[in-house]
N, C-alpha and C. Protein backbone atom coordinates (compact mmCIF):
# COMPACT_ATOMS: atom_id res chain seq x y z
N MET A 1 107.81 68.76 65.25
CA MET A 1 109.04 67.99 65.21
C MET A 1 108.83 66.67 64.44
N ASN A 2 108.23 66.78 63.26
CA ASN A 2 108.02 65.60 62.44
C ASN A 2 109.32 65.04 61.88
N ASN A 3 110.34 65.85 61.83
CA ASN A 3 111.58 65.45 61.16
C ASN A 3 112.72 65.20 62.14
N ILE A 4 112.40 64.86 63.38
CA ILE A 4 113.44 64.76 64.40
C ILE A 4 114.49 63.70 64.05
N ALA A 5 114.07 62.56 63.52
CA ALA A 5 115.04 61.51 63.17
C ALA A 5 115.97 62.00 62.06
N SER A 6 115.40 62.65 61.06
CA SER A 6 116.23 63.18 59.96
C SER A 6 117.20 64.23 60.47
N ILE A 7 116.72 65.10 61.34
CA ILE A 7 117.58 66.15 61.89
C ILE A 7 118.72 65.54 62.69
N LEU A 8 118.41 64.55 63.52
CA LEU A 8 119.45 63.93 64.33
C LEU A 8 120.51 63.23 63.47
N VAL A 9 120.08 62.54 62.43
CA VAL A 9 121.04 61.87 61.56
C VAL A 9 121.86 62.90 60.78
N LEU A 10 121.23 63.97 60.32
CA LEU A 10 121.98 65.02 59.62
C LEU A 10 123.01 65.66 60.54
N ILE A 11 122.65 65.87 61.80
CA ILE A 11 123.62 66.41 62.76
C ILE A 11 124.77 65.43 62.96
N PHE A 12 124.45 64.15 63.09
CA PHE A 12 125.47 63.12 63.23
C PHE A 12 126.45 63.16 62.05
N LEU A 13 125.91 63.22 60.83
CA LEU A 13 126.76 63.25 59.63
C LEU A 13 127.56 64.54 59.56
N ALA A 14 126.93 65.66 59.92
CA ALA A 14 127.64 66.95 59.89
C ALA A 14 128.82 66.93 60.86
N VAL A 15 128.60 66.45 62.08
CA VAL A 15 129.68 66.38 63.06
C VAL A 15 130.79 65.46 62.56
N THR A 16 130.40 64.32 62.01
CA THR A 16 131.38 63.36 61.50
C THR A 16 132.26 63.99 60.44
N PHE A 17 131.66 64.61 59.44
CA PHE A 17 132.43 65.11 58.31
C PHE A 17 133.14 66.43 58.59
N ILE A 18 132.53 67.31 59.35
CA ILE A 18 133.20 68.57 59.66
C ILE A 18 134.40 68.31 60.58
N GLN A 19 134.23 67.42 61.57
CA GLN A 19 135.35 67.06 62.45
C GLN A 19 136.48 66.41 61.65
N SER A 20 136.12 65.50 60.75
CA SER A 20 137.13 64.82 59.94
C SER A 20 137.85 65.81 59.02
N GLY A 21 137.10 66.71 58.41
CA GLY A 21 137.69 67.73 57.55
C GLY A 21 138.61 68.66 58.32
N TYR A 22 138.18 69.02 59.52
CA TYR A 22 139.00 69.87 60.38
C TYR A 22 140.32 69.18 60.70
N GLU A 23 140.26 67.91 61.10
CA GLU A 23 141.48 67.18 61.44
C GLU A 23 142.39 67.00 60.23
N LYS A 24 141.80 66.76 59.06
CA LYS A 24 142.63 66.64 57.85
C LYS A 24 143.35 67.95 57.55
N THR A 25 142.68 69.06 57.80
CA THR A 25 143.26 70.37 57.53
C THR A 25 144.37 70.69 58.54
N ILE A 26 144.08 70.48 59.81
CA ILE A 26 145.03 70.83 60.87
C ILE A 26 146.25 69.90 60.86
N TYR A 27 146.02 68.62 60.59
CA TYR A 27 147.10 67.62 60.62
C TYR A 27 147.38 67.08 59.22
N TRP A 28 147.40 67.98 58.24
CA TRP A 28 147.56 67.60 56.84
C TRP A 28 148.81 66.74 56.63
N LYS A 29 149.96 67.22 57.08
CA LYS A 29 151.22 66.50 56.84
C LYS A 29 151.22 65.12 57.49
N ASP A 30 150.73 65.05 58.72
CA ASP A 30 150.68 63.75 59.41
C ASP A 30 149.77 62.78 58.67
N ASN A 31 148.59 63.26 58.28
CA ASN A 31 147.65 62.42 57.53
C ASN A 31 148.26 61.96 56.22
N LEU A 32 148.89 62.88 55.52
CA LEU A 32 149.46 62.56 54.22
C LEU A 32 150.55 61.50 54.35
N GLU A 33 151.42 61.64 55.32
CA GLU A 33 152.49 60.65 55.52
C GLU A 33 151.92 59.28 55.85
N TRP A 34 150.93 59.25 56.74
CA TRP A 34 150.33 57.96 57.11
C TRP A 34 149.64 57.33 55.90
N LEU A 35 148.91 58.14 55.13
CA LEU A 35 148.18 57.62 53.98
C LEU A 35 149.11 57.16 52.86
N LYS A 36 150.26 57.81 52.72
CA LYS A 36 151.24 57.34 51.71
C LYS A 36 151.67 55.91 52.02
N GLY A 37 151.88 55.61 53.28
CA GLY A 37 152.22 54.25 53.66
C GLY A 37 151.04 53.30 53.50
N HIS A 38 149.87 53.79 53.86
CA HIS A 38 148.65 52.98 53.78
C HIS A 38 148.34 52.56 52.34
N PHE A 39 148.61 53.46 51.40
CA PHE A 39 148.29 53.20 49.99
C PHE A 39 149.52 52.87 49.15
N ALA A 40 150.63 52.54 49.79
CA ALA A 40 151.89 52.29 49.08
C ALA A 40 151.80 51.19 48.04
N LYS A 41 150.96 50.21 48.25
CA LYS A 41 150.86 49.08 47.31
C LYS A 41 149.56 49.13 46.50
N THR A 42 149.06 50.33 46.26
CA THR A 42 147.80 50.48 45.52
C THR A 42 148.03 51.32 44.27
N PRO A 43 147.07 51.31 43.35
CA PRO A 43 147.21 52.13 42.13
C PRO A 43 147.25 53.64 42.39
N ILE A 44 146.82 54.08 43.57
CA ILE A 44 146.82 55.53 43.83
C ILE A 44 148.04 55.99 44.63
N LYS A 45 149.05 55.13 44.74
CA LYS A 45 150.22 55.46 45.58
C LYS A 45 150.89 56.77 45.18
N ASN A 46 150.82 57.16 43.91
CA ASN A 46 151.48 58.39 43.47
C ASN A 46 150.59 59.63 43.49
N VAL A 47 149.33 59.45 43.85
CA VAL A 47 148.40 60.59 43.88
C VAL A 47 147.66 60.67 45.21
N VAL A 48 148.28 60.19 46.26
CA VAL A 48 147.63 60.19 47.58
C VAL A 48 147.27 61.61 48.01
N HIS A 49 148.14 62.57 47.73
CA HIS A 49 147.85 63.96 48.14
C HIS A 49 146.60 64.48 47.45
N TRP A 50 146.40 64.14 46.19
CA TRP A 50 145.18 64.57 45.47
C TRP A 50 143.95 63.84 45.99
N ALA A 51 144.11 62.57 46.28
CA ALA A 51 142.98 61.80 46.84
C ALA A 51 142.58 62.37 48.20
N LEU A 52 143.55 62.70 49.03
CA LEU A 52 143.27 63.29 50.34
C LEU A 52 142.56 64.63 50.18
N PHE A 53 143.03 65.44 49.25
CA PHE A 53 142.39 66.74 49.01
C PHE A 53 140.93 66.55 48.56
N HIS A 54 140.69 65.61 47.64
CA HIS A 54 139.33 65.39 47.16
C HIS A 54 138.41 64.88 48.27
N VAL A 55 138.92 64.00 49.10
CA VAL A 55 138.12 63.51 50.24
C VAL A 55 137.82 64.66 51.19
N LEU A 56 138.81 65.51 51.45
CA LEU A 56 138.60 66.68 52.31
C LEU A 56 137.48 67.56 51.76
N VAL A 57 137.52 67.84 50.48
CA VAL A 57 136.48 68.68 49.86
C VAL A 57 135.11 68.02 49.98
N LEU A 58 135.04 66.71 49.67
CA LEU A 58 133.77 66.00 49.78
C LEU A 58 133.24 66.00 51.22
N GLU A 59 134.13 65.82 52.18
CA GLU A 59 133.70 65.83 53.58
C GLU A 59 133.15 67.20 53.98
N LEU A 60 133.83 68.25 53.58
CA LEU A 60 133.36 69.58 53.94
C LEU A 60 132.03 69.91 53.26
N ILE A 61 131.89 69.56 52.00
CA ILE A 61 130.62 69.77 51.31
C ILE A 61 129.51 68.98 52.00
N SER A 62 129.78 67.72 52.32
CA SER A 62 128.79 66.88 53.00
C SER A 62 128.37 67.50 54.33
N GLY A 63 129.34 67.89 55.13
CA GLY A 63 129.04 68.48 56.44
C GLY A 63 128.26 69.77 56.35
N ILE A 64 128.66 70.64 55.44
CA ILE A 64 127.96 71.92 55.29
C ILE A 64 126.54 71.71 54.79
N LEU A 65 126.36 70.80 53.83
CA LEU A 65 125.01 70.51 53.34
C LEU A 65 124.14 69.90 54.44
N CYS A 66 124.71 69.05 55.27
CA CYS A 66 123.93 68.44 56.35
C CYS A 66 123.49 69.50 57.38
N ILE A 67 124.39 70.39 57.75
CA ILE A 67 124.02 71.48 58.68
C ILE A 67 122.95 72.37 58.05
N SER A 68 123.16 72.73 56.78
CA SER A 68 122.18 73.57 56.08
C SER A 68 120.85 72.85 55.95
N GLY A 69 120.89 71.54 55.73
CA GLY A 69 119.66 70.75 55.65
C GLY A 69 118.90 70.74 56.96
N CYS A 70 119.62 70.67 58.08
CA CYS A 70 118.96 70.76 59.39
C CYS A 70 118.25 72.09 59.54
N LEU A 71 118.94 73.15 59.17
CA LEU A 71 118.33 74.48 59.27
C LEU A 71 117.10 74.60 58.39
N GLN A 72 117.19 74.07 57.16
CA GLN A 72 116.04 74.13 56.26
C GLN A 72 114.86 73.35 56.84
N LEU A 73 115.11 72.18 57.40
CA LEU A 73 114.04 71.40 58.01
C LEU A 73 113.40 72.16 59.17
N LEU A 74 114.21 72.81 59.98
CA LEU A 74 113.69 73.54 61.13
C LEU A 74 112.94 74.80 60.73
N ILE A 75 113.43 75.49 59.70
CA ILE A 75 112.84 76.78 59.33
C ILE A 75 111.56 76.61 58.51
N ASN A 76 111.61 75.78 57.45
CA ASN A 76 110.43 75.71 56.58
C ASN A 76 110.03 74.28 56.20
N ASN A 77 110.56 73.30 56.94
CA ASN A 77 110.22 71.90 56.69
C ASN A 77 110.70 71.41 55.32
N GLY A 78 111.63 72.13 54.70
CA GLY A 78 112.16 71.72 53.41
C GLY A 78 113.15 70.58 53.56
N ARG A 79 113.16 69.72 52.56
CA ARG A 79 114.00 68.53 52.64
C ARG A 79 115.12 68.50 51.60
N THR A 80 115.14 69.40 50.67
CA THR A 80 116.05 69.32 49.53
C THR A 80 117.52 69.37 49.93
N VAL A 81 117.89 70.35 50.74
CA VAL A 81 119.30 70.50 51.09
C VAL A 81 119.77 69.33 51.96
N GLY A 82 118.92 68.89 52.87
CA GLY A 82 119.26 67.73 53.69
C GLY A 82 119.44 66.47 52.84
N LEU A 83 118.59 66.32 51.84
CA LEU A 83 118.73 65.19 50.93
C LEU A 83 120.06 65.25 50.20
N TYR A 84 120.44 66.43 49.72
CA TYR A 84 121.75 66.57 49.07
C TYR A 84 122.88 66.26 50.04
N GLY A 85 122.72 66.69 51.29
CA GLY A 85 123.73 66.38 52.31
C GLY A 85 123.86 64.88 52.54
N ALA A 86 122.73 64.20 52.60
CA ALA A 86 122.75 62.74 52.80
C ALA A 86 123.37 62.05 51.59
N ILE A 87 123.02 62.51 50.40
CA ILE A 87 123.57 61.91 49.18
C ILE A 87 125.08 62.14 49.10
N PHE A 88 125.52 63.37 49.36
CA PHE A 88 126.96 63.64 49.35
C PHE A 88 127.67 62.82 50.43
N SER A 89 127.03 62.64 51.57
CA SER A 89 127.61 61.82 52.63
C SER A 89 127.80 60.38 52.15
N CYS A 90 126.78 59.85 51.49
CA CYS A 90 126.88 58.48 50.95
C CYS A 90 128.01 58.38 49.93
N LEU A 91 128.09 59.36 49.03
CA LEU A 91 129.15 59.34 48.01
C LEU A 91 130.53 59.45 48.64
N THR A 92 130.67 60.30 49.63
CA THR A 92 131.94 60.44 50.33
C THR A 92 132.34 59.12 50.98
N LEU A 93 131.39 58.48 51.63
CA LEU A 93 131.67 57.21 52.28
C LEU A 93 132.00 56.11 51.27
N ILE A 94 131.37 56.15 50.12
CA ILE A 94 131.70 55.17 49.07
C ILE A 94 133.13 55.37 48.59
N PHE A 95 133.56 56.62 48.41
CA PHE A 95 134.95 56.89 48.02
C PHE A 95 135.91 56.38 49.10
N LEU A 96 135.57 56.63 50.36
CA LEU A 96 136.42 56.14 51.45
C LEU A 96 136.46 54.61 51.46
N LEU A 97 135.32 53.99 51.22
CA LEU A 97 135.25 52.53 51.17
C LEU A 97 136.12 51.97 50.06
N ILE A 98 136.07 52.59 48.88
CA ILE A 98 136.91 52.16 47.76
C ILE A 98 138.38 52.20 48.16
N GLY A 99 138.78 53.29 48.82
CA GLY A 99 140.17 53.41 49.25
C GLY A 99 140.56 52.33 50.24
N GLN A 100 139.69 52.06 51.20
CA GLN A 100 140.00 51.04 52.19
C GLN A 100 140.09 49.65 51.55
N ARG A 101 139.21 49.39 50.61
CA ARG A 101 139.25 48.09 49.93
C ARG A 101 140.51 47.97 49.07
N MET A 102 140.91 49.06 48.39
CA MET A 102 142.14 49.02 47.59
C MET A 102 143.34 48.75 48.47
N ALA A 103 143.35 49.34 49.67
CA ALA A 103 144.46 49.15 50.59
C ALA A 103 144.37 47.82 51.35
N LYS A 104 143.31 47.08 51.06
CA LYS A 104 143.06 45.80 51.74
C LYS A 104 142.93 45.97 53.25
N ASP A 105 142.39 47.11 53.65
CA ASP A 105 142.11 47.39 55.06
C ASP A 105 140.64 47.06 55.31
N TYR A 106 140.38 45.79 55.53
CA TYR A 106 139.00 45.32 55.63
C TYR A 106 138.34 45.75 56.94
N ASP A 107 139.12 45.91 58.01
CA ASP A 107 138.55 46.44 59.25
C ASP A 107 138.12 47.90 59.05
N GLY A 108 138.94 48.68 58.37
CA GLY A 108 138.58 50.06 58.06
C GLY A 108 137.35 50.14 57.17
N ALA A 109 137.26 49.22 56.21
CA ALA A 109 136.11 49.18 55.32
C ALA A 109 134.85 48.86 56.12
N ARG A 110 134.95 47.92 57.05
CA ARG A 110 133.79 47.57 57.89
C ARG A 110 133.34 48.76 58.71
N THR A 111 134.28 49.53 59.20
CA THR A 111 133.94 50.70 60.01
C THR A 111 133.14 51.71 59.20
N ILE A 112 133.46 51.86 57.93
CA ILE A 112 132.75 52.82 57.09
C ILE A 112 131.27 52.44 56.96
N VAL A 113 130.97 51.15 57.01
CA VAL A 113 129.58 50.70 56.92
C VAL A 113 128.76 51.27 58.08
N ILE A 114 129.38 51.41 59.24
CA ILE A 114 128.68 51.97 60.41
C ILE A 114 128.17 53.38 60.11
N TYR A 115 128.92 54.14 59.35
CA TYR A 115 128.52 55.49 58.98
C TYR A 115 127.59 55.49 57.77
N PHE A 116 127.77 54.51 56.91
CA PHE A 116 126.98 54.45 55.67
C PHE A 116 125.50 54.18 55.96
N ILE A 117 125.22 53.34 56.95
CA ILE A 117 123.83 52.99 57.25
C ILE A 117 122.99 54.22 57.61
N PRO A 118 123.41 55.07 58.56
CA PRO A 118 122.59 56.25 58.82
C PRO A 118 122.54 57.24 57.65
N ALA A 119 123.61 57.29 56.86
CA ALA A 119 123.59 58.19 55.69
C ALA A 119 122.52 57.74 54.69
N VAL A 120 122.43 56.43 54.47
CA VAL A 120 121.41 55.91 53.56
C VAL A 120 120.02 56.11 54.17
N MET A 121 119.91 55.92 55.47
CA MET A 121 118.61 56.15 56.13
C MET A 121 118.17 57.59 55.93
N ALA A 122 119.08 58.53 56.10
CA ALA A 122 118.74 59.94 55.90
C ALA A 122 118.32 60.21 54.47
N ALA A 123 119.04 59.64 53.52
CA ALA A 123 118.68 59.83 52.11
C ALA A 123 117.28 59.27 51.84
N TYR A 124 116.97 58.13 52.43
CA TYR A 124 115.65 57.52 52.24
C TYR A 124 114.56 58.39 52.88
N TRP A 125 114.78 58.79 54.14
CA TRP A 125 113.77 59.59 54.84
C TRP A 125 113.52 60.93 54.16
N LEU A 126 114.55 61.51 53.58
CA LEU A 126 114.43 62.86 53.02
C LEU A 126 114.03 62.86 51.54
N SER A 127 114.00 61.67 50.92
CA SER A 127 113.65 61.62 49.49
C SER A 127 112.14 61.57 49.29
């Protein structure tokens, strides 16, 4: 169990992104309506549906890579897939951060940092 910290962080990221992707899928219309208001005064106000779709795809890729990375670590001690999961997680969070900053939602932006720290830790540990 040399990789227990990496495995735990990858599980944390997988749960975070798969749950978020699931909720975006199940409550698509509700999310879209709320986000249209949230981004009404930003440059992306007319493409919120595309932005939401891209974030959904990034979240699902991140979550799937993190789960696959856990399995790879457990099966053969490989780190490649987990590293990709951590990197995709960081990129996804950066996109979310950009959106929150554009919307001037500084509390939301601060919250993203809470998730970004373990994602960066995982990328560092797995690199």
